[in-house]
Amino acid sequence: MLTIYEDLKEKTVSTSYLYRGKIVNVRQDRVKDGRGKEAFREVVEHPGAVAILAVNENDEAMLVRQHRQPAGEVMLEIPAGKLEPNEEPLECARRELMEETGLNAGRWQELTCFYTSPGFCNEMIYLFLAEDLSQGDPATSDPEENIKKEVISLPRAGEMIADGRIKDGKTIIALQYAMLQKKYTYE
């Protein structure tokens, strides 16, 4: 028996790689849907990533500011990073928080996971809440990264989302989640 969505599912008929890189691969898939219609899909393969909403005892979020070449601007974001081969998301989150902020967290909670842009990319981000923060080793970011840390209250972060100063999707999702859970309003 077919489900009502069976005709929407696509099966891959063939795949050809257009590019293989350090972080992403790009492929073109020929697909056939449940009605027999064929089409081509361009897919960016990404190993996945983590993002960390680190909140201190004053309900302030630890954010990082860095230039993002695809966007062509300096952006304010929660700490995040790419999963290494065979690395568990929580292990990656702990590593990235330390590398980007120099902080450890006594409490970790996986909030959700989501596709960043499923229309063309398979990247999955695992979003964590990190609390009970303590200073660890000084931040040791990737030598290719140029990052500045910022501490912002959750209500102020909400204002920055509303007025467009925070544009990063994972950061917006994380901060909105925190504000909904704690029932914050903009100042």
C-alpha atoms as a PDB file:
ATOM      1  CA  MET A   1       0.000   0.000   0.000  1.00  0.00           C
ATOM      2  CA  LEU A   2       1.400   3.395  -0.991  1.00  0.00           C
ATOM      3  CA  THR A   3       1.410   6.267   1.467  1.00  0.00           C
ATOM      4  CA  ILE A   4       0.022   9.604   0.378  1.00  0.00           C
ATOM      5  CA  TYR A   5       3.583  10.936  -0.024  1.00  0.00           C
ATOM      6  CA  GLU A   6       5.012   7.979  -1.961  1.00  0.00           C
ATOM      7  CA  ASP A   7       4.834   9.879  -5.258  1.00  0.00           C
ATOM      8  CA  LEU A   8       7.006  12.632  -3.742  1.00  0.00           C
ATOM      9  CA  LYS A   9       9.936  10.377  -2.867  1.00  0.00           C
ATOM     10  CA  GLU A  10      12.866  10.426  -5.249  1.00  0.00           C
ATOM     11  CA  LYS A  11      15.236   7.556  -5.914  1.00  0.00           C
ATOM     12  CA  THR A  12      18.759   8.209  -7.136  1.00  0.00           C
ATOM     13  CA  VAL A  13      19.352   6.738 -10.594  1.00  0.00           C
ATOM     14  CA  SER A  14      22.950   7.936 -11.015  1.00  0.00           C
ATOM     15  CA  THR A  15      25.503  10.226  -9.357  1.00  0.00           C
ATOM     16  CA  SER A  16      28.468  12.145 -10.732  1.00  0.00           C
ATOM     17  CA  TYR A  17      30.871  14.226  -8.653  1.00  0.00           C
ATOM     18  CA  LEU A  18      31.625  17.706  -9.941  1.00  0.00           C
ATOM     19  CA  TYR A  19      33.995  18.740  -7.122  1.00  0.00           C
ATOM     20  CA  ARG A  20      35.671  17.150  -4.108  1.00  0.00           C
ATOM     21  CA  GLY A  21      37.056  19.572  -1.547  1.00  0.00           C
ATOM     22  CA  LYS A  22      38.455  19.880   1.967  1.00  0.00           C
ATOM     23  CA  ILE A  23      35.075  20.711   3.523  1.00  0.00           C
ATOM     24  CA  VAL A  24      32.426  19.962   0.899  1.00  0.00           C
ATOM     25  CA  ASN A  25      31.838  17.801  -2.146  1.00  0.00           C
ATOM     26  CA  VAL A  26      29.468  18.744  -4.954  1.00  0.00           C
ATOM     27  CA  ARG A  27      27.615  16.106  -6.908  1.00  0.00           C
ATOM     28  CA  GLN A  28      24.842  15.913  -9.459  1.00  0.00           C
ATOM     29  CA  ASP A  29      22.213  13.212  -8.973  1.00  0.00           C
ATOM     30  CA  ARG A  30      19.797  12.009 -11.603  1.00  0.00           C
ATOM     31  CA  VAL A  31      16.599  11.098  -9.733  1.00  0.00           C
ATOM     32  CA  LYS A  32      13.234   9.547 -10.493  1.00  0.00           C
ATOM     33  CA  ASP A  33      10.139  10.324  -8.446  1.00  0.00           C
ATOM     34  CA  GLY A  34       7.228   8.027  -7.566  1.00  0.00           C
ATOM     35  CA  ARG A  35       5.407   9.025 -10.760  1.00  0.00           C
ATOM     36  CA  GLY A  36       8.402   8.046 -12.921  1.00  0.00           C
ATOM     37  CA  LYS A  37       9.431  11.643 -13.690  1.00  0.00           C
ATOM     38  CA  GLU A  38      13.216  12.157 -13.942  1.00  0.00           C
ATOM     39  CA  ALA A  39      15.176  15.253 -12.926  1.00  0.00           C
ATOM     40  CA  PHE A  40      18.656  16.395 -11.921  1.00  0.00           C
ATOM     41  CA  ARG A  41      19.566  17.562  -8.406  1.00  0.00           C
ATOM     42  CA  GLU A  42      22.743  19.369  -7.392  1.00  0.00           C
ATOM     43  CA  VAL A  43      23.856  18.344  -3.899  1.00  0.00           C
ATOM     44  CA  VAL A  44      26.503  19.820  -1.622  1.00  0.00           C
ATOM     45  CA  GLU A  45      27.767  17.109   0.728  1.00  0.00           C
ATOM     46  CA  HIS A  46      28.912  18.344   4.138  1.00  0.00           C
ATOM     47  CA  PRO A  47      30.083  16.191   7.080  1.00  0.00           C
ATOM     48  CA  GLY A  48      27.791  17.971   9.549  1.00  0.00           C
ATOM     49  CA  ALA A  49      28.467  20.428  12.313  1.00  0.00           C
ATOM     50  CA  VAL A  50      27.662  21.465  15.841  1.00  0.00           C
ATOM     51  CA  ALA A  51      26.581  24.804  17.249  1.00  0.00           C
ATOM     52  CA  ILE A  52      26.680  25.752  20.913  1.00  0.00           C
ATOM     53  CA  LEU A  53      24.458  28.167  22.790  1.00  0.00           C
ATOM     54  CA  ALA A  54      26.688  28.838  25.800  1.00  0.00           C
ATOM     55  CA  VAL A  55      24.770  30.731  28.497  1.00  0.00           C
ATOM     56  CA  ASN A  56      26.332  31.987  31.726  1.00  0.00           C
ATOM     57  CA  GLU A  57      24.721  32.458  35.154  1.00  0.00           C
ATOM     58  CA  ASN A  58      23.617  35.999  34.167  1.00  0.00           C
ATOM     59  CA  ASP A  59      21.629  34.710  31.174  1.00  0.00           C
ATOM     60  CA  GLU A  60      24.190  36.061  28.744  1.00  0.00           C
ATOM     61  CA  ALA A  61      25.161  34.227  25.575  1.00  0.00           C
ATOM     62  CA  MET A  62      28.771  33.726  24.547  1.00  0.00           C
ATOM     63  CA  LEU A  63      28.975  34.747  20.888  1.00  0.00           C
ATOM     64  CA  VAL A  64      31.779  35.099  18.378  1.00  0.00           C
ATOM     65  CA  ARG A  65      32.232  37.642  15.635  1.00  0.00           C
ATOM     66  CA  GLN A  66      34.028  36.596  12.444  1.00  0.00           C
ATOM     67  CA  HIS A  67      34.164  37.325   8.738  1.00  0.00           C
ATOM     68  CA  ARG A  68      32.176  34.908   6.589  1.00  0.00           C
ATOM     69  CA  GLN A  69      33.421  34.942   3.012  1.00  0.00           C
ATOM     70  CA  PRO A  70      30.233  33.547   1.372  1.00  0.00           C
ATOM     71  CA  ALA A  71      28.162  36.294   3.041  1.00  0.00           C
ATOM     72  CA  GLY A  72      30.850  38.904   2.467  1.00  0.00           C
ATOM     73  CA  GLU A  73      30.545  40.342   5.956  1.00  0.00           C
ATOM     74  CA  VAL A  74      31.510  40.054   9.595  1.00  0.00           C
ATOM     75  CA  MET A  75      28.788  38.111  11.416  1.00  0.00           C
ATOM     76  CA  LEU A  76      27.838  37.563  15.054  1.00  0.00           C
ATOM     77  CA  GLU A  77      27.258  33.868  15.772  1.00  0.00           C
ATOM     78  CA  ILE A  78      27.173  31.222  18.452  1.00  0.00           C
ATOM     79  CA  PRO A  79      30.331  29.054  18.545  1.00  0.00           C
ATOM     80  CA  ALA A  80      30.168  26.276  15.956  1.00  0.00           C
ATOM     81  CA  GLY A  81      32.299  23.930  13.940  1.00  0.00           C
ATOM     82  CA  LYS A  82      32.509  21.013  11.574  1.00  0.00           C
ATOM     83  CA  LEU A  83      32.393  17.415  12.737  1.00  0.00           C
ATOM     84  CA  GLU A  84      35.612  15.506  12.180  1.00  0.00           C
ATOM     85  CA  PRO A  85      35.433  11.936  10.788  1.00  0.00           C
ATOM     86  CA  ASN A  86      33.930   9.544  13.387  1.00  0.00           C
ATOM     87  CA  GLU A  87      33.552  12.364  15.928  1.00  0.00           C
ATOM     88  CA  GLU A  88      30.442  12.354  18.112  1.00  0.00           C
ATOM     89  CA  PRO A  89      28.470  15.634  18.120  1.00  0.00           C
ATOM     90  CA  LEU A  90      28.863  16.229  21.881  1.00  0.00           C
ATOM     91  CA  GLU A  91      32.620  15.638  21.671  1.00  0.00           C
ATOM     92  CA  CYS A  92      32.804  18.134  18.801  1.00  0.00           C
ATOM     93  CA  ALA A  93      30.691  20.664  20.733  1.00  0.00           C
ATOM     94  CA  ARG A  94      33.033  20.491  23.730  1.00  0.00           C
ATOM     95  CA  ARG A  95      36.062  20.930  21.465  1.00  0.00           C
ATOM     96  CA  GLU A  96      34.568  23.840  19.528  1.00  0.00           C
ATOM     97  CA  LEU A  97      33.433  25.695  22.663  1.00  0.00           C
ATOM     98  CA  MET A  98      36.954  25.464  24.081  1.00  0.00           C
ATOM     99  CA  GLU A  99      38.651  26.399  20.781  1.00  0.00           C
ATOM    100  CA  GLU A 100      36.460  29.425  20.107  1.00  0.00           C
ATOM    101  CA  THR A 101      35.810  30.785  23.607  1.00  0.00           C
ATOM    102  CA  GLY A 102      38.239  29.107  26.014  1.00  0.00           C
ATOM    103  CA  LEU A 103      35.252  27.875  28.052  1.00  0.00           C
ATOM    104  CA  ASN A 104      34.244  24.529  29.522  1.00  0.00           C
ATOM    105  CA  ALA A 105      30.676  23.666  30.437  1.00  0.00           C
ATOM    106  CA  GLY A 106      29.492  21.622  33.410  1.00  0.00           C
ATOM    107  CA  ARG A 107      26.066  20.918  31.853  1.00  0.00           C
ATOM    108  CA  TRP A 108      25.298  19.982  28.271  1.00  0.00           C
ATOM    109  CA  GLN A 109      21.943  19.426  26.619  1.00  0.00           C
ATOM    110  CA  GLU A 110      21.274  18.587  22.976  1.00  0.00           C
ATOM    111  CA  LEU A 111      18.436  20.896  21.972  1.00  0.00           C
ATOM    112  CA  THR A 112      17.709  19.789  18.416  1.00  0.00           C
ATOM    113  CA  CYS A 113      19.276  19.052  15.080  1.00  0.00           C
ATOM    114  CA  PHE A 114      18.337  20.545  11.729  1.00  0.00           C
ATOM    115  CA  TYR A 115      19.304  20.733   8.077  1.00  0.00           C
ATOM    116  CA  THR A 116      20.801  24.105   7.200  1.00  0.00           C
ATOM    117  CA  SER A 117      19.461  24.263   3.645  1.00  0.00           C
ATOM    118  CA  PRO A 118      17.994  20.928   2.497  1.00  0.00           C
ATOM    119  CA  GLY A 119      17.159  22.206  -0.978  1.00  0.00           C
ATOM    120  CA  PHE A 120      20.790  21.740  -2.015  1.00  0.00           C
ATOM    121  CA  CYS A 121      22.890  20.674   0.997  1.00  0.00           C
ATOM    122  CA  ASN A 122      22.884  17.668   3.355  1.00  0.00           C
ATOM    123  CA  GLU A 123      24.585  19.534   6.238  1.00  0.00           C
ATOM    124  CA  MET A 124      23.019  18.650   9.602  1.00  0.00           C
ATOM    125  CA  ILE A 125      23.740  20.887  12.595  1.00  0.00           C
ATOM    126  CA  TYR A 126      23.454  19.506  16.118  1.00  0.00           C
ATOM    127  CA  LEU A 127      22.501  22.339  18.462  1.00  0.00           C
ATOM    128  CA  PHE A 128      23.625  22.159  22.102  1.00  0.00           C
ATOM    129  CA  LEU A 129      22.963  24.242  25.190  1.00  0.00           C
ATOM    130  CA  ALA A 130      26.057  24.629  27.386  1.00  0.00           C
ATOM    131  CA  GLU A 131      25.651  25.922  30.950  1.00  0.00           C
ATOM    132  CA  ASP A 132      27.637  26.053  34.189  1.00  0.00           C
ATOM    133  CA  LEU A 133      30.487  27.686  32.294  1.00  0.00           C
ATOM    134  CA  SER A 134      34.054  27.927  33.570  1.00  0.00           C
ATOM    135  CA  GLN A 135      37.234  29.309  32.109  1.00  0.00           C
ATOM    136  CA  GLY A 136      39.481  26.661  30.630  1.00  0.00           C
ATOM    137  CA  ASP A 137      42.593  27.109  28.563  1.00  0.00           C
ATOM    138  CA  PRO A 138      42.760  30.310  26.548  1.00  0.00           C
ATOM    139  CA  ALA A 139      40.848  30.010  23.289  1.00  0.00           C
ATOM    140  CA  THR A 140      42.917  28.165  20.716  1.00  0.00           C
ATOM    141  CA  SER A 141      41.013  28.736  17.512  1.00  0.00           C
ATOM    142  CA  ASP A 142      41.970  27.331  14.156  1.00  0.00           C
ATOM    143  CA  PRO A 143      44.971  29.287  12.813  1.00  0.00           C
ATOM    144  CA  GLU A 144      42.901  30.198   9.734  1.00  0.00           C
ATOM    145  CA  GLU A 145      40.142  31.726  11.901  1.00  0.00           C
ATOM    146  CA  ASN A 146      40.097  35.299  13.172  1.00  0.00           C
ATOM    147  CA  ILE A 147      37.473  35.413  15.960  1.00  0.00           C
ATOM    148  CA  LYS A 148      36.459  37.986  18.563  1.00  0.00           C
ATOM    149  CA  LYS A 149      34.345  36.894  21.561  1.00  0.00           C
ATOM    150  CA  GLU A 150      31.310  38.869  22.741  1.00  0.00           C
ATOM    151  CA  VAL A 151      28.981  38.382  25.694  1.00  0.00           C
ATOM    152  CA  ILE A 152      25.413  39.558  25.054  1.00  0.00           C
ATOM    153  CA  SER A 153      22.294  39.330  27.217  1.00  0.00           C
ATOM    154  CA  LEU A 154      19.563  37.149  25.781  1.00  0.00           C
ATOM    155  CA  PRO A 155      17.064  40.035  25.589  1.00  0.00           C
ATOM    156  CA  ARG A 156      19.615  42.214  23.747  1.00  0.00           C
ATOM    157  CA  ALA A 157      20.342  39.325  21.382  1.00  0.00           C
ATOM    158  CA  GLY A 158      16.617  39.208  20.640  1.00  0.00           C
ATOM    159  CA  GLU A 159      16.714  42.880  19.690  1.00  0.00           C
ATOM    160  CA  MET A 160      19.700  42.209  17.459  1.00  0.00           C
ATOM    161  CA  ILE A 161      17.760  39.473  15.653  1.00  0.00           C
ATOM    162  CA  ALA A 162      14.753  41.766  15.233  1.00  0.00           C
ATOM    163  CA  ASP A 163      16.759  44.657  13.799  1.00  0.00           C
ATOM    164  CA  GLY A 164      18.921  42.484  11.512  1.00  0.00           C
ATOM    165  CA  ARG A 165      22.260  42.724  13.316  1.00  0.00           C
ATOM    166  CA  ILE A 166      22.206  38.937  13.844  1.00  0.00           C
ATOM    167  CA  LYS A 167      21.595  37.204  10.493  1.00  0.00           C
ATOM    168  CA  ASP A 168      23.061  33.735  11.014  1.00  0.00           C
ATOM    169  CA  GLY A 169      20.378  31.021  10.923  1.00  0.00           C
ATOM    170  CA  LYS A 170      21.826  28.668  13.551  1.00  0.00           C
ATOM    171  CA  THR A 171      22.314  31.600  15.920  1.00  0.00           C
ATOM    172  CA  ILE A 172      18.761  32.834  15.408  1.00  0.00           C
ATOM    173  CA  ILE A 173      17.368  29.333  16.039  1.00  0.00           C
ATOM    174  CA  ALA A 174      19.436  28.917  19.220  1.00  0.00           C
ATOM    175  CA  LEU A 175      18.666  32.356  20.670  1.00  0.00           C
ATOM    176  CA  GLN A 176      14.954  32.139  19.871  1.00  0.00           C
ATOM    177  CA  TYR A 177      14.852  28.721  21.531  1.00  0.00           C
ATOM    178  CA  ALA A 178      16.503  30.134  24.672  1.00  0.00           C
ATOM    179  CA  MET A 179      14.156  33.110  24.764  1.00  0.00           C
ATOM    180  CA  LEU A 180      11.093  30.894  24.351  1.00  0.00           C
ATOM    181  CA  GLN A 181      12.227  28.538  27.110  1.00  0.00           C
ATOM    182  CA  LYS A 182      12.994  31.338  29.541  1.00  0.00           C
ATOM    183  CA  LYS A 183      10.106  33.509  28.320  1.00  0.00           C
ATOM    184  CA  TYR A 184      12.327  36.528  27.639  1.00  0.00           C
ATOM    185  CA  THR A 185      11.072  39.611  25.888  1.00  0.00           C
ATOM    186  CA  TYR A 186      13.076  42.213  24.047  1.00  0.00           C
ATOM    187  CA  GLU A 187      14.288  45.079  26.232  1.00  0.00           C
END
